[in-house]
Amino acid sequence: MDKETEQFAADVLESIRQAKRGEYARVHTPEEIKARIARRGRPPGSVSPATKQAVKLRLDPDLLAALRASGAGWQTRVNAILRQAVLSK
């Protein structure tokens, strides 16, 4: 048996011993569960109110390769390039 499996087996046996002694895991109430679910997701205010929209755009393979080769943030740079080209007229 590998070490991870041995540790798991030891943990299970310890849990059984604790249960026999009357020591149980903490029980969560429905109210606690609802409160935890309400806190999931991004923190309030961390998302810009003007979200961007996903679109399907067909580009030439060489152009796409050059954009991706420019590194992380290439989609943001494409957005800036398009914004400058379209809105500056």
C-alpha atoms as a PDB file:
ATOM      1  CA  MET A   1       0.000   0.000   0.000  1.00  0.00           C
ATOM      2  CA  ASP A   2       1.334   3.463  -0.835  1.00  0.00           C
ATOM      3  CA  LYS A   3       1.720   6.163   1.817  1.00  0.00           C
ATOM      4  CA  GLU A   4      -1.349   8.102   0.714  1.00  0.00           C
ATOM      5  CA  THR A   5      -3.568   5.024   0.989  1.00  0.00           C
ATOM      6  CA  GLU A   6      -2.040   4.142   4.351  1.00  0.00           C
ATOM      7  CA  GLN A   7      -2.744   7.656   5.622  1.00  0.00           C
ATOM      8  CA  PHE A   8      -6.316   7.470   4.356  1.00  0.00           C
ATOM      9  CA  ALA A   9      -6.874   4.128   6.094  1.00  0.00           C
ATOM     10  CA  ALA A  10      -5.404   5.528   9.325  1.00  0.00           C
ATOM     11  CA  ASP A  11      -7.672   8.579   9.098  1.00  0.00           C
ATOM     12  CA  VAL A  12     -10.741   6.385   8.552  1.00  0.00           C
ATOM     13  CA  LEU A  13      -9.853   4.229  11.557  1.00  0.00           C
ATOM     14  CA  GLU A  14      -9.350   7.339  13.693  1.00  0.00           C
ATOM     15  CA  SER A  15     -12.744   8.656  12.569  1.00  0.00           C
ATOM     16  CA  ILE A  16     -14.336   5.358  13.595  1.00  0.00           C
ATOM     17  CA  ARG A  17     -12.650   5.523  17.017  1.00  0.00           C
ATOM     18  CA  GLN A  18     -13.885   9.095  17.480  1.00  0.00           C
ATOM     19  CA  ALA A  19     -17.434   8.075  16.535  1.00  0.00           C
ATOM     20  CA  LYS A  20     -17.324   5.221  19.065  1.00  0.00           C
ATOM     21  CA  ARG A  21     -16.261   7.717  21.740  1.00  0.00           C
ATOM     22  CA  GLY A  22     -19.224   9.912  20.837  1.00  0.00           C
ATOM     23  CA  GLU A  23     -17.184  12.572  19.068  1.00  0.00           C
ATOM     24  CA  TYR A  24     -18.915  13.596  15.864  1.00  0.00           C
ATOM     25  CA  ALA A  25     -18.267  16.128  13.152  1.00  0.00           C
ATOM     26  CA  ARG A  26     -19.991  19.464  13.500  1.00  0.00           C
ATOM     27  CA  VAL A  27     -23.472  19.496  12.002  1.00  0.00           C
ATOM     28  CA  HIS A  28     -24.348  22.463   9.794  1.00  0.00           C
ATOM     29  CA  THR A  29     -27.833  23.940  10.028  1.00  0.00           C
ATOM     30  CA  PRO A  30     -29.828  24.915   6.921  1.00  0.00           C
ATOM     31  CA  GLU A  31     -29.359  28.574   7.869  1.00  0.00           C
ATOM     32  CA  GLU A  32     -25.573  28.166   7.943  1.00  0.00           C
ATOM     33  CA  ILE A  33     -25.627  26.423   4.583  1.00  0.00           C
ATOM     34  CA  LYS A  34     -27.748  29.212   3.033  1.00  0.00           C
ATOM     35  CA  ALA A  35     -25.389  31.852   4.460  1.00  0.00           C
ATOM     36  CA  ARG A  36     -22.393  30.067   2.961  1.00  0.00           C
ATOM     37  CA  ILE A  37     -24.077  29.798  -0.449  1.00  0.00           C
ATOM     38  CA  ALA A  38     -24.925  33.513  -0.354  1.00  0.00           C
ATOM     39  CA  ARG A  39     -21.205  34.339   0.025  1.00  0.00           C
ATOM     40  CA  ARG A  40     -20.111  32.368  -3.044  1.00  0.00           C
ATOM     41  CA  GLY A  41     -18.935  34.070  -6.214  1.00  0.00           C
ATOM     42  CA  ARG A  42     -17.061  37.271  -6.796  1.00  0.00           C
ATOM     43  CA  PRO A  43     -17.089  39.883  -4.057  1.00  0.00           C
ATOM     44  CA  PRO A  44     -19.557  42.753  -4.533  1.00  0.00           C
ATOM     45  CA  GLY A  45     -18.089  45.604  -6.544  1.00  0.00           C
ATOM     46  CA  SER A  46     -15.335  43.500  -8.109  1.00  0.00           C
ATOM     47  CA  VAL A  47     -17.113  43.228 -11.452  1.00  0.00           C
ATOM     48  CA  SER A  48     -17.346  46.216 -13.754  1.00  0.00           C
ATOM     49  CA  PRO A  49     -20.936  47.293 -14.408  1.00  0.00           C
ATOM     50  CA  ALA A  50     -20.142  47.631 -18.133  1.00  0.00           C
ATOM     51  CA  THR A  51     -19.307  44.003 -18.890  1.00  0.00           C
ATOM     52  CA  LYS A  52     -17.940  42.980 -22.241  1.00  0.00           C
ATOM     53  CA  GLN A  53     -19.871  40.728 -24.580  1.00  0.00           C
ATOM     54  CA  ALA A  54     -18.544  37.491 -26.022  1.00  0.00           C
ATOM     55  CA  VAL A  55     -18.621  37.416 -29.812  1.00  0.00           C
ATOM     56  CA  LYS A  56     -17.537  34.979 -32.473  1.00  0.00           C
ATOM     57  CA  LEU A  57     -15.053  36.635 -34.810  1.00  0.00           C
ATOM     58  CA  ARG A  58     -13.395  34.935 -37.753  1.00  0.00           C
ATOM     59  CA  LEU A  59      -9.778  36.001 -38.316  1.00  0.00           C
ATOM     60  CA  ASP A  60      -7.096  34.914 -40.755  1.00  0.00           C
ATOM     61  CA  PRO A  61      -4.835  32.239 -39.226  1.00  0.00           C
ATOM     62  CA  ASP A  62      -1.647  34.288 -39.602  1.00  0.00           C
ATOM     63  CA  LEU A  63      -3.249  37.317 -37.934  1.00  0.00           C
ATOM     64  CA  LEU A  64      -4.560  35.217 -35.052  1.00  0.00           C
ATOM     65  CA  ALA A  65      -1.159  33.574 -34.603  1.00  0.00           C
ATOM     66  CA  ALA A  66       0.554  36.967 -34.469  1.00  0.00           C
ATOM     67  CA  LEU A  67      -1.939  38.280 -31.908  1.00  0.00           C
ATOM     68  CA  ARG A  68      -1.590  35.214 -29.679  1.00  0.00           C
ATOM     69  CA  ALA A  69       2.199  35.342 -30.015  1.00  0.00           C
ATOM     70  CA  SER A  70       2.137  38.828 -28.524  1.00  0.00           C
ATOM     71  CA  GLY A  71       1.506  37.169 -25.158  1.00  0.00           C
ATOM     72  CA  ALA A  72      -1.019  37.307 -22.363  1.00  0.00           C
ATOM     73  CA  GLY A  73      -3.610  40.025 -22.725  1.00  0.00           C
ATOM     74  CA  TRP A  74      -3.806  39.808 -26.493  1.00  0.00           C
ATOM     75  CA  GLN A  75      -7.611  39.955 -26.465  1.00  0.00           C
ATOM     76  CA  THR A  76      -7.515  43.153 -24.419  1.00  0.00           C
ATOM     77  CA  ARG A  77      -5.049  44.622 -26.900  1.00  0.00           C
ATOM     78  CA  VAL A  78      -7.321  43.644 -29.811  1.00  0.00           C
ATOM     79  CA  ASN A  79     -10.182  45.428 -28.045  1.00  0.00           C
ATOM     80  CA  ALA A  80      -8.037  48.565 -27.695  1.00  0.00           C
ATOM     81  CA  ILE A  81      -6.947  48.416 -31.352  1.00  0.00           C
ATOM     82  CA  LEU A  82     -10.527  48.055 -32.550  1.00  0.00           C
ATOM     83  CA  ARG A  83     -11.724  50.811 -30.231  1.00  0.00           C
ATOM     84  CA  GLN A  84      -9.097  53.204 -31.563  1.00  0.00           C
ATOM     85  CA  ALA A  85      -9.754  52.289 -35.195  1.00  0.00           C
ATOM     86  CA  VAL A  86     -13.552  52.501 -35.010  1.00  0.00           C
ATOM     87  CA  LEU A  87     -14.230  55.248 -32.475  1.00  0.00           C
ATOM     88  CA  SER A  88     -11.489  57.696 -33.539  1.00  0.00           C
ATOM     89  CA  LYS A  89     -13.159  58.404 -36.868  1.00  0.00           C
END
